[in-house]
Amino acid sequence: MGKIIAVANQKGGVGKTTSAINLAASLAALEYRTLLVDADPQANATSGIGFDPKDIENSIYECMVDGVKTEDIIMSSPIDFLDLIPSHIDLVGAEVEMINLPNREEKMKQVLVPLKEKYDFIIIDCSPSLGLITVNSLTAADSVIIPVQCEYFALEGLGKLLNTIKIIQSRLNPDLEIEGLLLTMYDVRLRLSNQVVEEVKMHFQQMVFDTIIPRNVKLSESPSFGVPAILHDAESKGAISYLNLAREIVEKNGVAVAQ
């Protein structure tokens, strides 16, 4: 039985989508059967592994709102062991269409939970908001990774996200755990970066991943090539860091490969 991990932070520019793409690709590189779910209307995770969102006919939106079967929308990526449930701009309208549906917070859960038998890991790239789509993602997830950038205002908005997670734990998904806080955009040369690392580790202690994601040119330019960092430059610091994160998560969860 696989594990569903949401990557969430309503604050933009923290490396959320970069982390979802590269963690999923790294788990696949370790030969874990991995599904990347793009639950962000911007569809950057979809384009980040080589698909043009304009060419997407069916997405997670159609599964949640129209009942389209997942086997009709899952796409094989250019990476072995990595599949994609894509997104497109229509996902913006899903929150309005779902507002009057029964069990509206559980639509994504109904879509993804049956897939846990097929995949070792299901990674959700959440929308950069705390709206109904993100609530759906967190209700479907077993755990959540929270990216935190090593920059000024790093902890801004984090309290709101943690409060949302507590509400979801109490009302919708009591088994939801925080997989970890992931420090991103770290620059060893900057005093501020090092101060943020110290502050986050002091506040959250064991909740913080050992792996820290550095600022890295190859990592930041890989989306423009439509590939994860591990395909763009496998020896770059960014690619190696996400591979280390994948290993850390595998070790923490003791996940066996799906048969």
C-alpha atoms as a PDB file:
ATOM      1  CA  MET A   1       0.000   0.000   0.000  1.00  0.00           C
ATOM      2  CA  GLY A   2       1.451   3.314  -1.088  1.00  0.00           C
ATOM      3  CA  LYS A   3       1.563   6.676   0.644  1.00  0.00           C
ATOM      4  CA  ILE A   4       0.000   9.972  -0.441  1.00  0.00           C
ATOM      5  CA  ILE A   5       2.167  13.009   0.345  1.00  0.00           C
ATOM      6  CA  ALA A   6       0.923  16.549  -0.305  1.00  0.00           C
ATOM      7  CA  VAL A   7       3.425  19.360  -0.870  1.00  0.00           C
ATOM      8  CA  ALA A   8       1.725  22.484   0.433  1.00  0.00           C
ATOM      9  CA  ASN A   9       2.321  26.117   1.265  1.00  0.00           C
ATOM     10  CA  GLN A  10      -0.170  28.849   0.393  1.00  0.00           C
ATOM     11  CA  LYS A  11       2.717  31.297   0.133  1.00  0.00           C
ATOM     12  CA  GLY A  12       4.108  31.498  -3.400  1.00  0.00           C
ATOM     13  CA  GLY A  13       7.768  31.337  -4.334  1.00  0.00           C
ATOM     14  CA  VAL A  14       8.864  28.839  -1.679  1.00  0.00           C
ATOM     15  CA  GLY A  15       9.824  26.005  -4.025  1.00  0.00           C
ATOM     16  CA  LYS A  16       6.569  24.056  -3.677  1.00  0.00           C
ATOM     17  CA  THR A  17       6.192  22.898  -7.274  1.00  0.00           C
ATOM     18  CA  THR A  18       9.955  22.485  -7.714  1.00  0.00           C
ATOM     19  CA  SER A  19       9.935  20.216  -4.671  1.00  0.00           C
ATOM     20  CA  ALA A  20       6.929  18.186  -5.835  1.00  0.00           C
ATOM     21  CA  ILE A  21       8.417  17.610  -9.298  1.00  0.00           C
ATOM     22  CA  ASN A  22      11.927  16.778  -8.146  1.00  0.00           C
ATOM     23  CA  LEU A  23      10.900  14.635  -5.186  1.00  0.00           C
ATOM     24  CA  ALA A  24       8.602  12.603  -7.443  1.00  0.00           C
ATOM     25  CA  ALA A  25      11.330  12.237 -10.087  1.00  0.00           C
ATOM     26  CA  SER A  26      13.884  11.228  -7.440  1.00  0.00           C
ATOM     27  CA  LEU A  27      11.590   8.579  -5.953  1.00  0.00           C
ATOM     28  CA  ALA A  28      11.089   7.243  -9.475  1.00  0.00           C
ATOM     29  CA  ALA A  29      14.864   7.248 -10.019  1.00  0.00           C
ATOM     30  CA  LEU A  30      15.095   5.029  -6.930  1.00  0.00           C
ATOM     31  CA  GLU A  31      12.623   2.722  -8.730  1.00  0.00           C
ATOM     32  CA  TYR A  32       9.632   3.444  -6.536  1.00  0.00           C
ATOM     33  CA  ARG A  33       6.422   3.535  -8.523  1.00  0.00           C
ATOM     34  CA  THR A  34       5.446   7.174  -8.232  1.00  0.00           C
ATOM     35  CA  LEU A  35       2.446   9.239  -9.300  1.00  0.00           C
ATOM     36  CA  LEU A  36       2.732  13.034  -9.467  1.00  0.00           C
ATOM     37  CA  VAL A  37      -0.649  14.743  -9.080  1.00  0.00           C
ATOM     38  CA  ASP A  38      -0.832  18.318 -10.329  1.00  0.00           C
ATOM     39  CA  ALA A  39      -3.524  19.974  -8.189  1.00  0.00           C
ATOM     40  CA  ASP A  40      -2.487  23.527  -9.068  1.00  0.00           C
ATOM     41  CA  PRO A  41      -4.453  25.383 -11.805  1.00  0.00           C
ATOM     42  CA  GLN A  42      -1.171  26.948 -12.971  1.00  0.00           C
ATOM     43  CA  ALA A  43      -0.206  23.422 -14.142  1.00  0.00           C
ATOM     44  CA  ASN A  44       3.511  24.026 -13.603  1.00  0.00           C
ATOM     45  CA  ALA A  45       4.095  20.453 -12.445  1.00  0.00           C
ATOM     46  CA  THR A  46       2.484  19.267 -15.683  1.00  0.00           C
ATOM     47  CA  SER A  47       4.761  21.424 -17.843  1.00  0.00           C
ATOM     48  CA  GLY A  48       7.720  20.723 -15.553  1.00  0.00           C
ATOM     49  CA  ILE A  49       7.889  17.102 -16.648  1.00  0.00           C
ATOM     50  CA  GLY A  50       7.419  17.805 -20.316  1.00  0.00           C
ATOM     51  CA  PHE A  51       3.693  18.129 -21.050  1.00  0.00           C
ATOM     52  CA  ASP A  52       1.968  21.176 -22.534  1.00  0.00           C
ATOM     53  CA  PRO A  53      -1.094  22.009 -20.382  1.00  0.00           C
ATOM     54  CA  LYS A  54      -2.832  23.342 -23.507  1.00  0.00           C
ATOM     55  CA  ASP A  55      -2.829  19.798 -24.891  1.00  0.00           C
ATOM     56  CA  ILE A  56      -4.437  18.310 -21.773  1.00  0.00           C
ATOM     57  CA  GLU A  57      -8.035  17.239 -22.371  1.00  0.00           C
ATOM     58  CA  ASN A  58      -8.774  15.536 -19.052  1.00  0.00           C
ATOM     59  CA  SER A  59      -7.185  16.415 -15.729  1.00  0.00           C
ATOM     60  CA  ILE A  60      -7.661  15.942 -11.994  1.00  0.00           C
ATOM     61  CA  TYR A  61     -10.544  18.421 -12.423  1.00  0.00           C
ATOM     62  CA  GLU A  62     -12.553  16.029 -14.597  1.00  0.00           C
ATOM     63  CA  CYS A  63     -11.958  13.190 -12.127  1.00  0.00           C
ATOM     64  CA  MET A  64     -13.181  15.242  -9.177  1.00  0.00           C
ATOM     65  CA  VAL A  65     -16.116  17.039 -10.793  1.00  0.00           C
ATOM     66  CA  ASP A  66     -17.245  14.866 -13.721  1.00  0.00           C
ATOM     67  CA  GLY A  67     -16.315  11.405 -12.470  1.00  0.00           C
ATOM     68  CA  VAL A  68     -13.847  10.651 -15.290  1.00  0.00           C
ATOM     69  CA  LYS A  69     -11.892   7.470 -14.465  1.00  0.00           C
ATOM     70  CA  THR A  70      -8.261   7.866 -13.435  1.00  0.00           C
ATOM     71  CA  GLU A  71      -7.100   5.281 -15.963  1.00  0.00           C
ATOM     72  CA  ASP A  72      -8.337   7.659 -18.668  1.00  0.00           C
ATOM     73  CA  ILE A  73      -6.177  10.568 -17.492  1.00  0.00           C
ATOM     74  CA  ILE A  74      -2.987   9.079 -16.014  1.00  0.00           C
ATOM     75  CA  MET A  75      -0.077   9.869 -18.328  1.00  0.00           C
ATOM     76  CA  SER A  76       3.271   8.087 -18.533  1.00  0.00           C
ATOM     77  CA  SER A  77       6.139  10.531 -18.133  1.00  0.00           C
ATOM     78  CA  PRO A  78       9.497  10.286 -19.948  1.00  0.00           C
ATOM     79  CA  ILE A  79      10.908   8.971 -16.653  1.00  0.00           C
ATOM     80  CA  ASP A  80      10.603   5.280 -15.806  1.00  0.00           C
ATOM     81  CA  PHE A  81       8.408   4.623 -12.756  1.00  0.00           C
ATOM     82  CA  LEU A  82       6.869   8.138 -12.893  1.00  0.00           C
ATOM     83  CA  ASP A  83       3.291   8.824 -13.996  1.00  0.00           C
ATOM     84  CA  LEU A  84       1.304  12.059 -13.959  1.00  0.00           C
ATOM     85  CA  ILE A  85      -2.251  13.147 -13.286  1.00  0.00           C
ATOM     86  CA  PRO A  86      -2.151  16.526 -15.047  1.00  0.00           C
ATOM     87  CA  SER A  87      -3.827  19.848 -14.365  1.00  0.00           C
ATOM     88  CA  HIS A  88      -5.084  22.663 -16.529  1.00  0.00           C
ATOM     89  CA  ILE A  89      -6.614  26.094 -16.026  1.00  0.00           C
ATOM     90  CA  ASP A  90     -10.156  24.672 -15.685  1.00  0.00           C
ATOM     91  CA  LEU A  91      -9.197  23.577 -12.176  1.00  0.00           C
ATOM     92  CA  VAL A  92      -9.767  27.220 -11.170  1.00  0.00           C
ATOM     93  CA  GLY A  93     -13.494  26.644 -11.681  1.00  0.00           C
ATOM     94  CA  ALA A  94     -13.589  23.407  -9.721  1.00  0.00           C
ATOM     95  CA  GLU A  95     -14.024  25.133  -6.360  1.00  0.00           C
ATOM     96  CA  VAL A  96     -17.161  26.910  -7.582  1.00  0.00           C
ATOM     97  CA  GLU A  97     -18.582  23.753  -9.165  1.00  0.00           C
ATOM     98  CA  MET A  98     -17.862  21.654  -6.078  1.00  0.00           C
ATOM     99  CA  ILE A  99     -19.333  24.094  -3.574  1.00  0.00           C
ATOM    100  CA  ASN A 100     -22.761  22.406  -3.492  1.00  0.00           C
ATOM    101  CA  LEU A 101     -21.588  18.813  -3.941  1.00  0.00           C
ATOM    102  CA  PRO A 102     -21.998  16.363  -1.047  1.00  0.00           C
ATOM    103  CA  ASN A 103     -18.694  15.461   0.632  1.00  0.00           C
ATOM    104  CA  ARG A 104     -17.036  18.196  -1.423  1.00  0.00           C
ATOM    105  CA  GLU A 105     -13.843  18.033   0.673  1.00  0.00           C
ATOM    106  CA  GLU A 106     -13.360  14.339  -0.134  1.00  0.00           C
ATOM    107  CA  LYS A 107     -13.540  14.346  -3.943  1.00  0.00           C
ATOM    108  CA  MET A 108      -9.782  14.020  -4.418  1.00  0.00           C
ATOM    109  CA  LYS A 109      -9.579  11.339  -1.733  1.00  0.00           C
ATOM    110  CA  GLN A 110     -12.131   9.288  -3.667  1.00  0.00           C
ATOM    111  CA  VAL A 111      -9.949   9.628  -6.765  1.00  0.00           C
ATOM    112  CA  LEU A 112      -6.539   8.907  -5.226  1.00  0.00           C
ATOM    113  CA  VAL A 113      -6.990   6.365  -2.424  1.00  0.00           C
ATOM    114  CA  PRO A 114      -7.762   3.458  -4.817  1.00  0.00           C
ATOM    115  CA  LEU A 115      -4.439   4.220  -6.576  1.00  0.00           C
ATOM    116  CA  LYS A 116      -2.423   3.477  -3.416  1.00  0.00           C
ATOM    117  CA  GLU A 117      -2.433  -0.192  -4.428  1.00  0.00           C
ATOM    118  CA  LYS A 118      -0.680   0.653  -7.697  1.00  0.00           C
ATOM    119  CA  TYR A 119       1.916   3.187  -6.520  1.00  0.00           C
ATOM    120  CA  ASP A 120       4.488   3.344  -3.732  1.00  0.00           C
ATOM    121  CA  PHE A 121       4.237   7.135  -3.530  1.00  0.00           C
ATOM    122  CA  ILE A 122       1.630   9.630  -4.716  1.00  0.00           C
ATOM    123  CA  ILE A 123       2.956  13.208  -4.576  1.00  0.00           C
ATOM    124  CA  ILE A 124       0.418  16.058  -4.773  1.00  0.00           C
ATOM    125  CA  ASP A 125       1.514  19.519  -5.881  1.00  0.00           C
ATOM    126  CA  CYS A 126      -1.061  21.631  -4.036  1.00  0.00           C
ATOM    127  CA  SER A 127      -2.541  24.902  -5.184  1.00  0.00           C
ATOM    128  CA  PRO A 128      -0.845  27.980  -3.606  1.00  0.00           C
ATOM    129  CA  SER A 129      -3.927  28.800  -1.540  1.00  0.00           C
ATOM    130  CA  LEU A 130      -5.909  27.390   1.352  1.00  0.00           C
ATOM    131  CA  GLY A 131      -9.048  26.955  -0.762  1.00  0.00           C
ATOM    132  CA  LEU A 132     -11.189  23.903  -1.427  1.00  0.00           C
ATOM    133  CA  ILE A 133      -8.695  22.230  -3.788  1.00  0.00           C
ATOM    134  CA  THR A 134      -5.942  22.377  -1.159  1.00  0.00           C
ATOM    135  CA  VAL A 135      -8.396  21.162   1.501  1.00  0.00           C
ATOM    136  CA  ASN A 136      -9.172  18.244  -0.843  1.00  0.00           C
ATOM    137  CA  SER A 137      -5.462  17.533  -1.247  1.00  0.00           C
ATOM    138  CA  LEU A 138      -4.844  17.513   2.508  1.00  0.00           C
ATOM    139  CA  THR A 139      -7.933  15.383   3.127  1.00  0.00           C
ATOM    140  CA  ALA A 140      -6.637  12.824   0.618  1.00  0.00           C
ATOM    141  CA  ALA A 141      -3.064  12.849   1.932  1.00  0.00           C
ATOM    142  CA  ASP A 142      -1.417  10.639   4.519  1.00  0.00           C
ATOM    143  CA  SER A 143       1.125  13.377   5.212  1.00  0.00           C
ATOM    144  CA  VAL A 144       2.222  16.838   4.125  1.00  0.00           C
ATOM    145  CA  ILE A 145       5.592  18.359   3.265  1.00  0.00           C
ATOM    146  CA  ILE A 146       5.843  22.104   3.918  1.00  0.00           C
ATOM    147  CA  PRO A 147       8.568  23.913   1.923  1.00  0.00           C
ATOM    148  CA  VAL A 148      10.065  26.911   3.746  1.00  0.00           C
ATOM    149  CA  GLN A 149      12.437  29.213   1.874  1.00  0.00           C
ATOM    150  CA  CYS A 150      15.621  30.348   3.638  1.00  0.00           C
ATOM    151  CA  GLU A 151      14.827  34.017   3.113  1.00  0.00           C
ATOM    152  CA  TYR A 152      13.286  37.009   4.866  1.00  0.00           C
ATOM    153  CA  PHE A 153       9.684  36.399   6.038  1.00  0.00           C
ATOM    154  CA  ALA A 154      10.380  32.650   5.844  1.00  0.00           C
ATOM    155  CA  LEU A 155       7.859  31.829   8.554  1.00  0.00           C
ATOM    156  CA  GLU A 156       5.224  34.283   7.318  1.00  0.00           C
ATOM    157  CA  GLY A 157       1.945  32.452   6.728  1.00  0.00           C
ATOM    158  CA  LEU A 158       3.243  29.222   8.224  1.00  0.00           C
ATOM    159  CA  GLY A 159       1.005  29.581  11.281  1.00  0.00           C
ATOM    160  CA  LYS A 160      -2.055  29.875   9.058  1.00  0.00           C
ATOM    161  CA  LEU A 161      -1.111  26.712   7.156  1.00  0.00           C
ATOM    162  CA  LEU A 162      -0.431  24.776  10.367  1.00  0.00           C
ATOM    163  CA  ASN A 163      -3.806  25.932  11.709  1.00  0.00           C
ATOM    164  CA  THR A 164      -5.518  24.723   8.523  1.00  0.00           C
ATOM    165  CA  ILE A 165      -3.787  21.363   8.936  1.00  0.00           C
ATOM    166  CA  LYS A 166      -5.062  21.152  12.543  1.00  0.00           C
ATOM    167  CA  ILE A 167      -8.623  21.881  11.402  1.00  0.00           C
ATOM    168  CA  ILE A 168      -8.386  19.198   8.712  1.00  0.00           C
ATOM    169  CA  GLN A 169      -6.976  16.743  11.268  1.00  0.00           C
ATOM    170  CA  SER A 170      -9.876  17.429  13.632  1.00  0.00           C
ATOM    171  CA  ARG A 171     -12.704  17.441  11.076  1.00  0.00           C
ATOM    172  CA  LEU A 172     -11.738  15.604   7.902  1.00  0.00           C
ATOM    173  CA  ASN A 173      -8.523  13.586   8.133  1.00  0.00           C
ATOM    174  CA  PRO A 174      -7.464  12.607  11.672  1.00  0.00           C
ATOM    175  CA  ASP A 175      -4.568  10.515  10.320  1.00  0.00           C
ATOM    176  CA  LEU A 176      -2.898  13.422   8.473  1.00  0.00           C
ATOM    177  CA  GLU A 177       0.697  13.849   9.634  1.00  0.00           C
ATOM    178  CA  ILE A 178       3.336  16.463   8.919  1.00  0.00           C
ATOM    179  CA  GLU A 179       5.984  14.576   6.955  1.00  0.00           C
ATOM    180  CA  GLY A 180       8.389  17.420   7.521  1.00  0.00           C
ATOM    181  CA  LEU A 181       9.372  21.020   6.913  1.00  0.00           C
ATOM    182  CA  LEU A 182      11.697  21.293   3.929  1.00  0.00           C
ATOM    183  CA  LEU A 183      14.176  24.170   3.891  1.00  0.00           C
ATOM    184  CA  THR A 184      14.606  25.470   0.330  1.00  0.00           C
ATOM    185  CA  MET A 185      16.595  28.137  -1.539  1.00  0.00           C
ATOM    186  CA  TYR A 186      19.475  27.890   0.926  1.00  0.00           C
ATOM    187  CA  ASP A 187      22.585  29.952   0.170  1.00  0.00           C
ATOM    188  CA  VAL A 188      25.487  29.003   2.446  1.00  0.00           C
ATOM    189  CA  ARG A 189      27.158  32.380   1.759  1.00  0.00           C
ATOM    190  CA  LEU A 190      24.303  34.401   3.228  1.00  0.00           C
ATOM    191  CA  ARG A 191      24.046  35.044   6.944  1.00  0.00           C
ATOM    192  CA  LEU A 192      20.258  35.352   6.578  1.00  0.00           C
ATOM    193  CA  SER A 193      19.985  31.841   5.108  1.00  0.00           C
ATOM    194  CA  ASN A 194      21.895  30.396   8.034  1.00  0.00           C
ATOM    195  CA  GLN A 195      19.801  32.372  10.519  1.00  0.00           C
ATOM    196  CA  VAL A 196      16.586  31.027   8.988  1.00  0.00           C
ATOM    197  CA  VAL A 197      17.884  27.448   9.204  1.00  0.00           C
ATOM    198  CA  GLU A 198      18.704  27.961  12.894  1.00  0.00           C
ATOM    199  CA  GLU A 199      15.354  29.613  13.618  1.00  0.00           C
ATOM    200  CA  VAL A 200      13.256  26.959  11.865  1.00  0.00           C
ATOM    201  CA  LYS A 201      15.177  24.111  13.508  1.00  0.00           C
ATOM    202  CA  MET A 202      14.843  25.790  16.905  1.00  0.00           C
ATOM    203  CA  HIS A 203      11.067  26.207  16.519  1.00  0.00           C
ATOM    204  CA  PHE A 204      10.241  22.887  14.849  1.00  0.00           C
ATOM    205  CA  GLN A 205      13.141  20.599  15.820  1.00  0.00           C
ATOM    206  CA  GLN A 206      12.473  17.003  14.676  1.00  0.00           C
ATOM    207  CA  MET A 207       9.839  18.163  12.180  1.00  0.00           C
ATOM    208  CA  VAL A 208      12.565  19.602   9.909  1.00  0.00           C
ATOM    209  CA  PHE A 209      14.135  17.381   7.240  1.00  0.00           C
ATOM    210  CA  ASP A 210      17.891  16.860   7.495  1.00  0.00           C
ATOM    211  CA  THR A 211      18.106  17.520   3.749  1.00  0.00           C
ATOM    212  CA  ILE A 212      18.276  21.203   2.813  1.00  0.00           C
ATOM    213  CA  ILE A 213      17.651  22.283  -0.789  1.00  0.00           C
ATOM    214  CA  PRO A 214      20.224  24.849  -2.003  1.00  0.00           C
ATOM    215  CA  ARG A 215      19.821  27.643  -4.486  1.00  0.00           C
ATOM    216  CA  ASN A 216      21.068  26.083  -7.708  1.00  0.00           C
ATOM    217  CA  VAL A 217      21.154  27.328 -11.292  1.00  0.00           C
ATOM    218  CA  LYS A 218      20.515  23.902 -12.841  1.00  0.00           C
ATOM    219  CA  LEU A 219      17.557  23.374 -10.516  1.00  0.00           C
ATOM    220  CA  SER A 220      15.985  26.729 -11.342  1.00  0.00           C
ATOM    221  CA  GLU A 221      16.450  26.428 -15.109  1.00  0.00           C
ATOM    222  CA  SER A 222      15.267  22.815 -15.492  1.00  0.00           C
ATOM    223  CA  PRO A 223      11.517  23.724 -15.713  1.00  0.00           C
ATOM    224  CA  SER A 224      12.230  25.766 -18.849  1.00  0.00           C
ATOM    225  CA  PHE A 225      13.491  22.534 -20.429  1.00  0.00           C
ATOM    226  CA  GLY A 226      10.419  20.603 -19.260  1.00  0.00           C
ATOM    227  CA  VAL A 227      12.468  18.127 -17.225  1.00  0.00           C
ATOM    228  CA  PRO A 228      13.275  17.577 -13.533  1.00  0.00           C
ATOM    229  CA  ALA A 229      16.771  18.495 -12.356  1.00  0.00           C
ATOM    230  CA  ILE A 230      17.830  14.844 -12.280  1.00  0.00           C
ATOM    231  CA  LEU A 231      17.386  14.699 -16.080  1.00  0.00           C
ATOM    232  CA  HIS A 232      18.734  18.188 -16.724  1.00  0.00           C
ATOM    233  CA  ASP A 233      21.949  17.657 -14.742  1.00  0.00           C
ATOM    234  CA  ALA A 234      22.045  14.630 -12.446  1.00  0.00           C
ATOM    235  CA  GLU A 235      25.278  15.819 -10.820  1.00  0.00           C
ATOM    236  CA  SER A 236      23.998  19.279  -9.904  1.00  0.00           C
ATOM    237  CA  LYS A 237      23.631  20.149  -6.229  1.00  0.00           C
ATOM    238  CA  GLY A 238      19.887  20.581  -6.703  1.00  0.00           C
ATOM    239  CA  ALA A 239      19.381  17.129  -8.217  1.00  0.00           C
ATOM    240  CA  ILE A 240      21.559  15.473  -5.573  1.00  0.00           C
ATOM    241  CA  SER A 241      19.680  17.255  -2.763  1.00  0.00           C
ATOM    242  CA  TYR A 242      16.280  16.029  -3.939  1.00  0.00           C
ATOM    243  CA  LEU A 243      17.673  12.505  -4.316  1.00  0.00           C
ATOM    244  CA  ASN A 244      18.849  12.766  -0.707  1.00  0.00           C
ATOM    245  CA  LEU A 245      15.385  13.964   0.318  1.00  0.00           C
ATOM    246  CA  ALA A 246      13.800  10.987  -1.450  1.00  0.00           C
ATOM    247  CA  ARG A 247      16.139   8.617   0.386  1.00  0.00           C
ATOM    248  CA  GLU A 248      15.339  10.334   3.688  1.00  0.00           C
ATOM    249  CA  ILE A 249      11.600   9.901   3.112  1.00  0.00           C
ATOM    250  CA  VAL A 250      11.972   6.264   2.049  1.00  0.00           C
ATOM    251  CA  GLU A 251      14.074   5.525   5.124  1.00  0.00           C
ATOM    252  CA  LYS A 252      11.633   7.316   7.415  1.00  0.00           C
ATOM    253  CA  ASN A 253       8.653   5.408   6.044  1.00  0.00           C
ATOM    254  CA  GLY A 254      10.284   2.027   5.515  1.00  0.00           C
ATOM    255  CA  VAL A 255       8.302   1.722   2.305  1.00  0.00           C
ATOM    256  CA  ALA A 256       8.437  -1.602   0.506  1.00  0.00           C
ATOM    257  CA  VAL A 257       8.278  -1.578  -3.288  1.00  0.00           C
ATOM    258  CA  ALA A 258       4.784  -2.322  -4.617  1.00  0.00           C
ATOM    259  CA  GLN A 259       4.377  -5.742  -6.143  1.00  0.00           C
END
